[in-house]
Amino acid sequence: MKIECVLCPTDLSADSDEALRYAIALSRAYNAELILLHCDVFSDGVAIPDAHDKAVQAIRAALEKHSGSADLIGLDWRSLVVNCDDTGEAIAREAAKYGVDLIVMRSRRRPHRAALLGSTAESVSRTAPCPVLVMHTDERDWVTDSDTRIELKRVLVAYDFSDYSELALNCALSFAQEYQSELHLLHVLPPFTLNESEISWYPLGREGTYHKAAHRLQKAVAPEAHLWCDIKHAVSEGQPYREILNYAEKNDIDLICLGAHGAGFGMRALFGSNVDRVLRQAPCPVLVTRPLKPGSALLAKAEMRLAYATPSG
């Protein structure tokens, strides 16, 4: 996975510092430039005096606080403060403008009613021109506080055999190889697909839906990957988001990788029931991959609007 530029949005609160730790760690690990972005939202259409200078000072203070024992030595970073009326749009726009390879940001866990309105992280995950790493404060951590070192032990890929989940798999393989992590591949069959009372790896006289999926899942990763990575496969049945969350919880997963859309994970279905719920409830950070290039954010935004405007039938 090529990471030459990392963008970390911050609202200058203590909560957003959680994402900053990850952004610093990944920037150091990949020798990438780090852009710290603050979106100064207009108040009644009027910019607040001195807000820009205060934001720059606050960004530097947060960076110094969370840079670990190495301080800012060798860290290529810059602050960026922009005025806007929509934070999600501004983040996607600046990511495209600067050719960002990875966005690292925090999302708040909110009550169900509030969550129905969506969040900035979910909006960015829909429109960003690059992968988006989303985390919360109360979840499994894999970046050390003292020296911002990455300790990534188990990575989960929700794999539906689409090109989009293939992007998620490629990112997961890259992380697994870099940090010698276990790689878990999970495929979720639709509810009521299976007739067997128990899931078994052994066919009952013939190869059923489960076994076909299991065999395809085993072939998803090149044989040579097994030389440097411990790979585990699982097939389950049910609601994708629920199976993903259950698997992550039971197996102490450190990072969940999801494709932005594909078979069973379409834009409308994805952000209506699957990925958004994983983003809100995951016990660990979530990486959402997108098949976009810089400059494509507006196209993604138009696609999203069309998906929501079109009746589902």
C-alpha atoms as a PDB file:
ATOM      1  CA  MET A   1       0.000   0.000   0.000  1.00  0.00           C
ATOM      2  CA  LYS A   2       1.539   3.280  -1.104  1.00  0.00           C
ATOM      3  CA  ILE A   3       1.203   5.981   1.530  1.00  0.00           C
ATOM      4  CA  GLU A   4       3.057   9.189   0.695  1.00  0.00           C
ATOM      5  CA  CYS A   5       0.600  11.702   2.117  1.00  0.00           C
ATOM      6  CA  VAL A   6      -1.696  11.356   5.159  1.00  0.00           C
ATOM      7  CA  LEU A   7      -4.509  13.781   5.952  1.00  0.00           C
ATOM      8  CA  CYS A   8      -5.787  14.033   9.511  1.00  0.00           C
ATOM      9  CA  PRO A   9      -8.821  16.294  10.078  1.00  0.00           C
ATOM     10  CA  THR A  10      -9.060  17.768  13.579  1.00  0.00           C
ATOM     11  CA  ASP A  11     -11.681  19.849  15.345  1.00  0.00           C
ATOM     12  CA  LEU A  12      -9.037  20.854  17.944  1.00  0.00           C
ATOM     13  CA  SER A  13     -10.754  18.867  20.688  1.00  0.00           C
ATOM     14  CA  ALA A  14      -9.116  16.290  22.946  1.00  0.00           C
ATOM     15  CA  ASP A  15     -11.284  13.605  21.333  1.00  0.00           C
ATOM     16  CA  SER A  16      -9.875  14.190  17.857  1.00  0.00           C
ATOM     17  CA  ASP A  17      -6.357  13.663  19.225  1.00  0.00           C
ATOM     18  CA  GLU A  18      -7.005   9.911  19.133  1.00  0.00           C
ATOM     19  CA  ALA A  19      -6.870   9.982  15.341  1.00  0.00           C
ATOM     20  CA  LEU A  20      -3.802  12.221  15.498  1.00  0.00           C
ATOM     21  CA  ARG A  21      -1.790   9.495  17.254  1.00  0.00           C
ATOM     22  CA  TYR A  22      -2.583   7.064  14.433  1.00  0.00           C
ATOM     23  CA  ALA A  23      -1.831   9.654  11.757  1.00  0.00           C
ATOM     24  CA  ILE A  24       1.576  10.383  13.311  1.00  0.00           C
ATOM     25  CA  ALA A  25       2.394   6.668  13.623  1.00  0.00           C
ATOM     26  CA  LEU A  26       1.446   5.892  10.013  1.00  0.00           C
ATOM     27  CA  SER A  27       3.242   8.966   8.655  1.00  0.00           C
ATOM     28  CA  ARG A  28       6.421   7.893  10.428  1.00  0.00           C
ATOM     29  CA  ALA A  29       6.083   4.255   9.408  1.00  0.00           C
ATOM     30  CA  TYR A  30       5.720   5.128   5.721  1.00  0.00           C
ATOM     31  CA  ASN A  31       7.865   8.299   5.662  1.00  0.00           C
ATOM     32  CA  ALA A  32       4.767  10.148   4.488  1.00  0.00           C
ATOM     33  CA  GLU A  33       3.878  13.811   4.651  1.00  0.00           C
ATOM     34  CA  LEU A  34       1.272  14.571   7.319  1.00  0.00           C
ATOM     35  CA  ILE A  35      -1.336  17.272   6.694  1.00  0.00           C
ATOM     36  CA  LEU A  36      -3.334  18.361   9.744  1.00  0.00           C
ATOM     37  CA  LEU A  37      -6.592  19.902   8.540  1.00  0.00           C
ATOM     38  CA  HIS A  38      -8.926  22.090  10.542  1.00  0.00           C
ATOM     39  CA  CYS A  39     -12.201  23.146   8.958  1.00  0.00           C
ATOM     40  CA  ASP A  40     -13.284  26.481  10.389  1.00  0.00           C
ATOM     41  CA  VAL A  41     -17.055  26.450   9.940  1.00  0.00           C
ATOM     42  CA  PHE A  42     -18.574  29.862   9.303  1.00  0.00           C
ATOM     43  CA  SER A  43     -20.714  31.298  12.094  1.00  0.00           C
ATOM     44  CA  ASP A  44     -23.765  32.855  10.442  1.00  0.00           C
ATOM     45  CA  GLY A  45     -21.689  33.255   7.293  1.00  0.00           C
ATOM     46  CA  VAL A  46     -18.983  35.316   9.037  1.00  0.00           C
ATOM     47  CA  ALA A  47     -15.434  34.152   9.740  1.00  0.00           C
ATOM     48  CA  ILE A  48     -14.264  34.548  13.357  1.00  0.00           C
ATOM     49  CA  PRO A  49     -11.347  37.008  13.756  1.00  0.00           C
ATOM     50  CA  ASP A  50      -7.948  35.425  14.597  1.00  0.00           C
ATOM     51  CA  ALA A  51      -9.489  31.966  14.245  1.00  0.00           C
ATOM     52  CA  HIS A  52      -6.881  30.894  11.684  1.00  0.00           C
ATOM     53  CA  ASP A  53      -3.853  31.755  13.851  1.00  0.00           C
ATOM     54  CA  LYS A  54      -5.396  30.182  16.946  1.00  0.00           C
ATOM     55  CA  ALA A  55      -6.157  26.992  15.014  1.00  0.00           C
ATOM     56  CA  VAL A  56      -2.567  26.748  13.737  1.00  0.00           C
ATOM     57  CA  GLN A  57      -1.231  27.148  17.281  1.00  0.00           C
ATOM     58  CA  ALA A  58      -3.641  24.532  18.636  1.00  0.00           C
ATOM     59  CA  ILE A  59      -2.669  22.071  15.884  1.00  0.00           C
ATOM     60  CA  ARG A  60       1.028  22.392  16.698  1.00  0.00           C
ATOM     61  CA  ALA A  61       0.382  21.982  20.422  1.00  0.00           C
ATOM     62  CA  ALA A  62      -1.632  18.791  19.818  1.00  0.00           C
ATOM     63  CA  LEU A  63       1.047  17.447  17.500  1.00  0.00           C
ATOM     64  CA  GLU A  64       3.790  18.041  20.069  1.00  0.00           C
ATOM     65  CA  LYS A  65       1.692  16.411  22.778  1.00  0.00           C
ATOM     66  CA  HIS A  66       1.091  13.192  20.842  1.00  0.00           C
ATOM     67  CA  SER A  67       4.307  12.817  18.866  1.00  0.00           C
ATOM     68  CA  GLY A  68       5.818  10.468  21.461  1.00  0.00           C
ATOM     69  CA  SER A  69       9.400  10.259  22.646  1.00  0.00           C
ATOM     70  CA  ALA A  70      10.718  11.180  19.171  1.00  0.00           C
ATOM     71  CA  ASP A  71       9.016  14.591  19.369  1.00  0.00           C
ATOM     72  CA  LEU A  72       8.700  16.163  15.900  1.00  0.00           C
ATOM     73  CA  ILE A  73      12.130  15.017  14.717  1.00  0.00           C
ATOM     74  CA  GLY A  74      11.959  13.653  11.181  1.00  0.00           C
ATOM     75  CA  LEU A  75       8.209  14.231  10.881  1.00  0.00           C
ATOM     76  CA  ASP A  76       7.229  15.996   7.646  1.00  0.00           C
ATOM     77  CA  TRP A  77       4.058  17.861   8.534  1.00  0.00           C
ATOM     78  CA  ARG A  78       2.064  20.995   7.832  1.00  0.00           C
ATOM     79  CA  SER A  79      -1.109  22.584   9.147  1.00  0.00           C
ATOM     80  CA  LEU A  80      -3.993  23.560   6.889  1.00  0.00           C
ATOM     81  CA  VAL A  81      -6.909  25.708   8.027  1.00  0.00           C
ATOM     82  CA  VAL A  82      -9.818  26.282   5.643  1.00  0.00           C
ATOM     83  CA  ASN A  83     -13.143  28.065   5.918  1.00  0.00           C
ATOM     84  CA  CYS A  84     -16.194  26.047   4.946  1.00  0.00           C
ATOM     85  CA  ASP A  85     -19.865  25.441   5.562  1.00  0.00           C
ATOM     86  CA  ASP A  86     -19.709  21.638   5.170  1.00  0.00           C
ATOM     87  CA  THR A  87     -16.866  19.830   6.940  1.00  0.00           C
ATOM     88  CA  GLY A  88     -17.291  16.515   5.089  1.00  0.00           C
ATOM     89  CA  GLU A  89     -17.158  18.173   1.674  1.00  0.00           C
ATOM     90  CA  ALA A  90     -14.129  20.223   2.685  1.00  0.00           C
ATOM     91  CA  ILE A  91     -12.176  17.162   3.845  1.00  0.00           C
ATOM     92  CA  ALA A  92     -12.854  15.263   0.606  1.00  0.00           C
ATOM     93  CA  ARG A  93     -12.025  18.336  -1.476  1.00  0.00           C
ATOM     94  CA  GLU A  94      -8.701  19.019   0.262  1.00  0.00           C
ATOM     95  CA  ALA A  95      -7.759  15.321   0.084  1.00  0.00           C
ATOM     96  CA  ALA A  96      -8.265  15.398  -3.691  1.00  0.00           C
ATOM     97  CA  LYS A  97      -6.444  18.724  -4.028  1.00  0.00           C
ATOM     98  CA  TYR A  98      -3.295  17.498  -2.264  1.00  0.00           C
ATOM     99  CA  GLY A  99      -3.268  13.952  -3.672  1.00  0.00           C
ATOM    100  CA  VAL A 100      -3.749  12.360  -0.248  1.00  0.00           C
ATOM    101  CA  ASP A 101      -3.267   8.566  -0.020  1.00  0.00           C
ATOM    102  CA  LEU A 102      -4.961   8.021   3.361  1.00  0.00           C
ATOM    103  CA  ILE A 103      -7.379   9.993   5.546  1.00  0.00           C
ATOM    104  CA  VAL A 104      -7.202   9.270   9.279  1.00  0.00           C
ATOM    105  CA  MET A 105     -10.094  10.591  11.343  1.00  0.00           C
ATOM    106  CA  ARG A 106     -12.177  10.034  14.434  1.00  0.00           C
ATOM    107  CA  SER A 107     -15.919   9.442  14.633  1.00  0.00           C
ATOM    108  CA  ARG A 108     -18.117   9.842  17.677  1.00  0.00           C
ATOM    109  CA  ARG A 109     -20.343   7.034  18.882  1.00  0.00           C
ATOM    110  CA  ARG A 110     -23.835   8.446  19.102  1.00  0.00           C
ATOM    111  CA  PRO A 111     -27.338   7.336  20.111  1.00  0.00           C
ATOM    112  CA  HIS A 112     -29.285   5.513  17.414  1.00  0.00           C
ATOM    113  CA  ARG A 113     -31.565   8.456  16.606  1.00  0.00           C
ATOM    114  CA  ALA A 114     -28.672  10.850  16.145  1.00  0.00           C
ATOM    115  CA  ALA A 115     -26.755   8.235  14.161  1.00  0.00           C
ATOM    116  CA  LEU A 116     -29.570   8.090  11.612  1.00  0.00           C
ATOM    117  CA  LEU A 117     -28.509  11.546  10.445  1.00  0.00           C
ATOM    118  CA  GLY A 118     -25.033  10.255   9.639  1.00  0.00           C
ATOM    119  CA  SER A 119     -21.663  11.645  10.690  1.00  0.00           C
ATOM    120  CA  THR A 120     -18.800  13.535   9.134  1.00  0.00           C
ATOM    121  CA  ALA A 121     -16.722  10.330   9.055  1.00  0.00           C
ATOM    122  CA  GLU A 122     -19.477   8.494   7.181  1.00  0.00           C
ATOM    123  CA  SER A 123     -19.841  11.379   4.736  1.00  0.00           C
ATOM    124  CA  VAL A 124     -16.090  11.397   4.061  1.00  0.00           C
ATOM    125  CA  SER A 125     -16.060   7.608   3.648  1.00  0.00           C
ATOM    126  CA  ARG A 126     -18.661   7.978   0.888  1.00  0.00           C
ATOM    127  CA  THR A 127     -16.913  10.729  -1.061  1.00  0.00           C
ATOM    128  CA  ALA A 128     -13.185  10.565  -0.295  1.00  0.00           C
ATOM    129  CA  PRO A 129     -10.711  10.078  -3.164  1.00  0.00           C
ATOM    130  CA  CYS A 130      -8.666   7.602  -1.075  1.00  0.00           C
ATOM    131  CA  PRO A 131      -9.022   5.064   1.770  1.00  0.00           C
ATOM    132  CA  VAL A 132     -10.365   6.399   5.080  1.00  0.00           C
ATOM    133  CA  LEU A 133      -9.259   5.055   8.474  1.00  0.00           C
ATOM    134  CA  VAL A 134     -11.903   5.731  11.133  1.00  0.00           C
ATOM    135  CA  MET A 135     -11.567   5.178  14.864  1.00  0.00           C
ATOM    136  CA  HIS A 136     -13.313   5.933  18.166  1.00  0.00           C
ATOM    137  CA  THR A 137     -11.902   6.638  21.612  1.00  0.00           C
ATOM    138  CA  ASP A 138     -13.276   3.511  23.326  1.00  0.00           C
ATOM    139  CA  GLU A 139     -11.934   0.734  21.126  1.00  0.00           C
ATOM    140  CA  ARG A 140      -9.021  -1.675  20.705  1.00  0.00           C
ATOM    141  CA  ASP A 141      -5.803   0.300  20.282  1.00  0.00           C
ATOM    142  CA  TRP A 142      -2.725  -0.649  18.219  1.00  0.00           C
ATOM    143  CA  VAL A 143      -0.589   2.472  18.422  1.00  0.00           C
ATOM    144  CA  THR A 144       1.601   2.865  21.529  1.00  0.00           C
ATOM    145  CA  ASP A 145       1.438   6.131  23.471  1.00  0.00           C
ATOM    146  CA  SER A 146       5.134   6.387  24.345  1.00  0.00           C
ATOM    147  CA  ASP A 147       6.690   6.166  20.877  1.00  0.00           C
ATOM    148  CA  THR A 148       3.680   5.973  18.479  1.00  0.00           C
ATOM    149  CA  ARG A 149       4.780   2.492  17.418  1.00  0.00           C
ATOM    150  CA  ILE A 150       2.328   0.329  15.442  1.00  0.00           C
ATOM    151  CA  GLU A 151       1.437  -3.065  16.962  1.00  0.00           C
ATOM    152  CA  LEU A 152      -1.102  -4.476  14.526  1.00  0.00           C
ATOM    153  CA  LYS A 153      -1.742  -8.161  15.319  1.00  0.00           C
ATOM    154  CA  ARG A 154      -5.003  -9.178  13.589  1.00  0.00           C
ATOM    155  CA  VAL A 155      -6.603  -7.695  10.444  1.00  0.00           C
ATOM    156  CA  LEU A 156     -10.099  -8.625   9.222  1.00  0.00           C
ATOM    157  CA  VAL A 157     -11.334  -8.255   5.630  1.00  0.00           C
ATOM    158  CA  ALA A 158     -15.045  -8.411   4.862  1.00  0.00           C
ATOM    159  CA  TYR A 159     -14.796 -10.135   1.479  1.00  0.00           C
ATOM    160  CA  ASP A 160     -17.720 -10.479  -0.945  1.00  0.00           C
ATOM    161  CA  PHE A 161     -15.698 -11.460  -4.083  1.00  0.00           C
ATOM    162  CA  SER A 162     -16.264  -8.036  -5.678  1.00  0.00           C
ATOM    163  CA  ASP A 163     -13.580  -5.749  -7.094  1.00  0.00           C
ATOM    164  CA  TYR A 164     -14.244  -3.363  -4.223  1.00  0.00           C
ATOM    165  CA  SER A 165     -13.580  -5.949  -1.554  1.00  0.00           C
ATOM    166  CA  GLU A 166     -10.461  -6.864  -3.533  1.00  0.00           C
ATOM    167  CA  LEU A 167      -9.199  -3.340  -2.846  1.00  0.00           C
ATOM    168  CA  ALA A 168      -9.819  -3.890   0.860  1.00  0.00           C
ATOM    169  CA  LEU A 169      -7.977  -7.214   0.682  1.00  0.00           C
ATOM    170  CA  ASN A 170      -4.968  -5.623  -1.024  1.00  0.00           C
ATOM    171  CA  CYS A 171      -4.733  -2.982   1.704  1.00  0.00           C
ATOM    172  CA  ALA A 172      -5.094  -5.630   4.404  1.00  0.00           C
ATOM    173  CA  LEU A 173      -2.394  -7.790   2.807  1.00  0.00           C
ATOM    174  CA  SER A 174      -0.063  -4.807   2.751  1.00  0.00           C
ATOM    175  CA  PHE A 175      -0.617  -4.105   6.447  1.00  0.00           C
ATOM    176  CA  ALA A 176      -0.357  -7.797   7.334  1.00  0.00           C
ATOM    177  CA  GLN A 177       2.952  -8.134   5.514  1.00  0.00           C
ATOM    178  CA  GLU A 178       4.367  -4.925   6.980  1.00  0.00           C
ATOM    179  CA  TYR A 179       3.494  -5.803  10.584  1.00  0.00           C
ATOM    180  CA  GLN A 180       3.456  -9.634  10.452  1.00  0.00           C
ATOM    181  CA  SER A 181      -0.229  -9.646  11.370  1.00  0.00           C
ATOM    182  CA  GLU A 182      -2.784 -12.439  11.147  1.00  0.00           C
ATOM    183  CA  LEU A 183      -5.100 -11.941   8.180  1.00  0.00           C
ATOM    184  CA  HIS A 184      -8.734 -12.974   8.614  1.00  0.00           C
ATOM    185  CA  LEU A 185     -11.047 -13.254   5.595  1.00  0.00           C
ATOM    186  CA  LEU A 186     -14.770 -13.299   6.318  1.00  0.00           C
ATOM    187  CA  HIS A 187     -17.506 -13.903   3.745  1.00  0.00           C
ATOM    188  CA  VAL A 188     -21.130 -13.433   4.815  1.00  0.00           C
ATOM    189  CA  LEU A 189     -23.882 -15.360   3.046  1.00  0.00           C
ATOM    190  CA  PRO A 190     -27.408 -13.888   2.914  1.00  0.00           C
ATOM    191  CA  PRO A 191     -29.784 -14.950   5.709  1.00  0.00           C
ATOM    192  CA  PHE A 192     -31.460 -18.358   5.300  1.00  0.00           C
ATOM    193  CA  THR A 193     -28.927 -19.469   2.669  1.00  0.00           C
ATOM    194  CA  LEU A 194     -27.816 -22.553   4.559  1.00  0.00           C
ATOM    195  CA  ASN A 195     -29.875 -25.656   5.270  1.00  0.00           C
ATOM    196  CA  GLU A 196     -27.282 -27.437   7.401  1.00  0.00           C
ATOM    197  CA  SER A 197     -27.895 -27.254  11.146  1.00  0.00           C
ATOM    198  CA  GLU A 198     -24.169 -26.597  11.675  1.00  0.00           C
ATOM    199  CA  ILE A 199     -21.548 -25.015   9.427  1.00  0.00           C
ATOM    200  CA  SER A 200     -18.951 -27.615   8.502  1.00  0.00           C
ATOM    201  CA  TRP A 201     -15.952 -27.639   6.223  1.00  0.00           C
ATOM    202  CA  TYR A 202     -16.917 -31.113   4.991  1.00  0.00           C
ATOM    203  CA  PRO A 203     -19.564 -31.504   2.260  1.00  0.00           C
ATOM    204  CA  LEU A 204     -22.604 -33.583   3.073  1.00  0.00           C
ATOM    205  CA  GLY A 205     -22.627 -35.653  -0.114  1.00  0.00           C
ATOM    206  CA  ARG A 206     -22.333 -32.616  -2.393  1.00  0.00           C
ATOM    207  CA  GLU A 207     -20.787 -29.163  -2.428  1.00  0.00           C
ATOM    208  CA  GLY A 208     -23.342 -26.665  -1.181  1.00  0.00           C
ATOM    209  CA  THR A 209     -23.434 -22.886  -1.106  1.00  0.00           C
ATOM    210  CA  TYR A 210     -21.302 -22.701   1.998  1.00  0.00           C
ATOM    211  CA  HIS A 211     -18.554 -24.935   0.666  1.00  0.00           C
ATOM    212  CA  LYS A 212     -18.423 -23.143  -2.675  1.00  0.00           C
ATOM    213  CA  ALA A 213     -17.966 -19.862  -0.829  1.00  0.00           C
ATOM    214  CA  ALA A 214     -15.349 -21.400   1.461  1.00  0.00           C
ATOM    215  CA  HIS A 215     -13.327 -22.742  -1.483  1.00  0.00           C
ATOM    216  CA  ARG A 216     -13.497 -19.397  -3.311  1.00  0.00           C
ATOM    217  CA  LEU A 217     -12.398 -17.635  -0.139  1.00  0.00           C
ATOM    218  CA  GLN A 218      -9.354 -19.892   0.196  1.00  0.00           C
ATOM    219  CA  LYS A 219      -8.315 -19.018  -3.368  1.00  0.00           C
ATOM    220  CA  ALA A 220      -8.662 -15.256  -2.822  1.00  0.00           C
ATOM    221  CA  VAL A 221      -5.112 -14.920  -1.508  1.00  0.00           C
ATOM    222  CA  ALA A 222      -2.053 -15.959  -3.527  1.00  0.00           C
ATOM    223  CA  PRO A 223      -0.309 -19.091  -2.153  1.00  0.00           C
ATOM    224  CA  GLU A 224       2.965 -17.232  -1.547  1.00  0.00           C
ATOM    225  CA  ALA A 225       1.223 -14.957   0.960  1.00  0.00           C
ATOM    226  CA  HIS A 226       1.031 -17.917   3.347  1.00  0.00           C
ATOM    227  CA  LEU A 227       4.836 -17.810   3.595  1.00  0.00           C
ATOM    228  CA  TRP A 228       4.805 -14.533   5.510  1.00  0.00           C
ATOM    229  CA  CYS A 229       1.243 -14.280   6.812  1.00  0.00           C
ATOM    230  CA  ASP A 230      -1.000 -16.499   8.935  1.00  0.00           C
ATOM    231  CA  ILE A 231      -4.292 -16.505   7.013  1.00  0.00           C
ATOM    232  CA  LYS A 232      -7.628 -17.604   8.468  1.00  0.00           C
ATOM    233  CA  HIS A 233     -10.897 -18.065   6.544  1.00  0.00           C
ATOM    234  CA  ALA A 234     -14.477 -17.961   7.769  1.00  0.00           C
ATOM    235  CA  VAL A 235     -17.914 -18.119   6.153  1.00  0.00           C
ATOM    236  CA  SER A 236     -21.022 -17.145   8.088  1.00  0.00           C
ATOM    237  CA  GLU A 237     -24.660 -16.405   7.383  1.00  0.00           C
ATOM    238  CA  GLY A 238     -26.754 -13.386   8.345  1.00  0.00           C
ATOM    239  CA  GLN A 239     -26.673  -9.597   8.239  1.00  0.00           C
ATOM    240  CA  PRO A 240     -23.202  -8.529   7.029  1.00  0.00           C
ATOM    241  CA  TYR A 241     -22.647  -5.771   9.587  1.00  0.00           C
ATOM    242  CA  ARG A 242     -23.715  -7.975  12.489  1.00  0.00           C
ATOM    243  CA  GLU A 243     -21.516 -10.889  11.413  1.00  0.00           C
ATOM    244  CA  ILE A 244     -18.548  -8.562  10.886  1.00  0.00           C
ATOM    245  CA  LEU A 245     -18.951  -7.004  14.332  1.00  0.00           C
ATOM    246  CA  ASN A 246     -19.419 -10.378  16.044  1.00  0.00           C
ATOM    247  CA  TYR A 247     -16.364 -11.854  14.343  1.00  0.00           C
ATOM    248  CA  ALA A 248     -14.228  -8.830  15.197  1.00  0.00           C
ATOM    249  CA  GLU A 249     -15.277  -8.986  18.838  1.00  0.00           C
ATOM    250  CA  LYS A 250     -14.764 -12.725  19.248  1.00  0.00           C
ATOM    251  CA  ASN A 251     -11.357 -12.776  17.537  1.00  0.00           C
ATOM    252  CA  ASP A 252      -9.839  -9.613  19.047  1.00  0.00           C
ATOM    253  CA  ILE A 253      -9.471  -7.981  15.625  1.00  0.00           C
ATOM    254  CA  ASP A 254      -7.352  -4.803  15.554  1.00  0.00           C
ATOM    255  CA  LEU A 255      -8.392  -3.468  12.140  1.00  0.00           C
ATOM    256  CA  ILE A 256     -11.442  -4.106   9.917  1.00  0.00           C
ATOM    257  CA  CYS A 257     -11.029  -3.479   6.160  1.00  0.00           C
ATOM    258  CA  LEU A 258     -14.130  -2.902   4.012  1.00  0.00           C
ATOM    259  CA  GLY A 259     -14.682  -2.141   0.320  1.00  0.00           C
ATOM    260  CA  ALA A 260     -16.778   0.963  -0.289  1.00  0.00           C
ATOM    261  CA  HIS A 261     -19.360  -0.899  -2.343  1.00  0.00           C
ATOM    262  CA  GLY A 262     -19.850  -4.045  -4.385  1.00  0.00           C
ATOM    263  CA  ALA A 263     -22.051  -7.148  -4.414  1.00  0.00           C
ATOM    264  CA  GLY A 264     -24.063  -6.995  -1.225  1.00  0.00           C
ATOM    265  CA  PHE A 265     -22.367  -3.726  -0.266  1.00  0.00           C
ATOM    266  CA  GLY A 266     -23.949  -1.271  -2.739  1.00  0.00           C
ATOM    267  CA  MET A 267     -23.829   2.457  -2.072  1.00  0.00           C
ATOM    268  CA  ARG A 268     -27.450   2.595  -0.941  1.00  0.00           C
ATOM    269  CA  ALA A 269     -27.380  -0.652   1.046  1.00  0.00           C
ATOM    270  CA  LEU A 270     -23.860  -0.094   2.323  1.00  0.00           C
ATOM    271  CA  PHE A 271     -24.302   3.237   3.988  1.00  0.00           C
ATOM    272  CA  GLY A 272     -27.860   2.437   4.955  1.00  0.00           C
ATOM    273  CA  SER A 273     -27.189  -0.722   6.908  1.00  0.00           C
ATOM    274  CA  ASN A 274     -23.711  -2.223   6.730  1.00  0.00           C
ATOM    275  CA  VAL A 275     -20.602  -0.066   6.675  1.00  0.00           C
ATOM    276  CA  ASP A 276     -22.122   2.835   8.583  1.00  0.00           C
ATOM    277  CA  ARG A 277     -23.141   0.430  11.368  1.00  0.00           C
ATOM    278  CA  VAL A 278     -19.696  -1.131  11.389  1.00  0.00           C
ATOM    279  CA  LEU A 279     -18.156   2.345  11.595  1.00  0.00           C
ATOM    280  CA  ARG A 280     -20.386   3.235  14.565  1.00  0.00           C
ATOM    281  CA  GLN A 281     -20.135  -0.019  16.512  1.00  0.00           C
ATOM    282  CA  ALA A 282     -16.774  -1.596  15.650  1.00  0.00           C
ATOM    283  CA  PRO A 283     -14.529  -2.587  18.573  1.00  0.00           C
ATOM    284  CA  CYS A 284     -11.483  -1.432  16.578  1.00  0.00           C
ATOM    285  CA  PRO A 285     -10.516   1.056  13.836  1.00  0.00           C
ATOM    286  CA  VAL A 286     -12.115   0.555  10.398  1.00  0.00           C
ATOM    287  CA  LEU A 287     -10.455   1.136   7.023  1.00  0.00           C
ATOM    288  CA  VAL A 288     -12.892   1.949   4.197  1.00  0.00           C
ATOM    289  CA  THR A 289     -11.292   1.627   0.746  1.00  0.00           C
ATOM    290  CA  ARG A 290     -12.578   3.412  -2.334  1.00  0.00           C
ATOM    291  CA  PRO A 291     -11.826   2.822  -6.044  1.00  0.00           C
ATOM    292  CA  LEU A 292     -11.269   6.517  -6.699  1.00  0.00           C
ATOM    293  CA  LYS A 293      -8.410   8.709  -7.840  1.00  0.00           C
ATOM    294  CA  PRO A 294      -7.687  12.263  -6.676  1.00  0.00           C
ATOM    295  CA  GLY A 295     -10.159  14.668  -8.244  1.00  0.00           C
ATOM    296  CA  SER A 296     -13.003  12.124  -8.266  1.00  0.00           C
ATOM    297  CA  ALA A 297     -14.679  13.248  -5.054  1.00  0.00           C
ATOM    298  CA  LEU A 298     -17.332  15.293  -6.846  1.00  0.00           C
ATOM    299  CA  LEU A 299     -18.222  12.278  -8.984  1.00  0.00           C
ATOM    300  CA  ALA A 300     -18.608  10.163  -5.860  1.00  0.00           C
ATOM    301  CA  LYS A 301     -20.795  12.835  -4.298  1.00  0.00           C
ATOM    302  CA  ALA A 302     -23.064  12.856  -7.353  1.00  0.00           C
ATOM    303  CA  GLU A 303     -23.222   9.046  -7.227  1.00  0.00           C
ATOM    304  CA  MET A 304     -24.236   9.154  -3.581  1.00  0.00           C
ATOM    305  CA  ARG A 305     -26.978  11.716  -4.201  1.00  0.00           C
ATOM    306  CA  LEU A 306     -28.335   9.645  -7.093  1.00  0.00           C
ATOM    307  CA  ALA A 307     -28.335   6.501  -4.950  1.00  0.00           C
ATOM    308  CA  TYR A 308     -30.351   8.163  -2.184  1.00  0.00           C
ATOM    309  CA  ALA A 309     -32.715   9.936  -4.596  1.00  0.00           C
ATOM    310  CA  THR A 310     -33.551   6.766  -6.529  1.00  0.00           C
ATOM    311  CA  PRO A 311     -36.458   4.780  -4.998  1.00  0.00           C
ATOM    312  CA  SER A 312     -35.393   1.346  -3.758  1.00  0.00           C
ATOM    313  CA  GLY A 313     -38.519  -0.262  -5.122  1.00  0.00           C
END
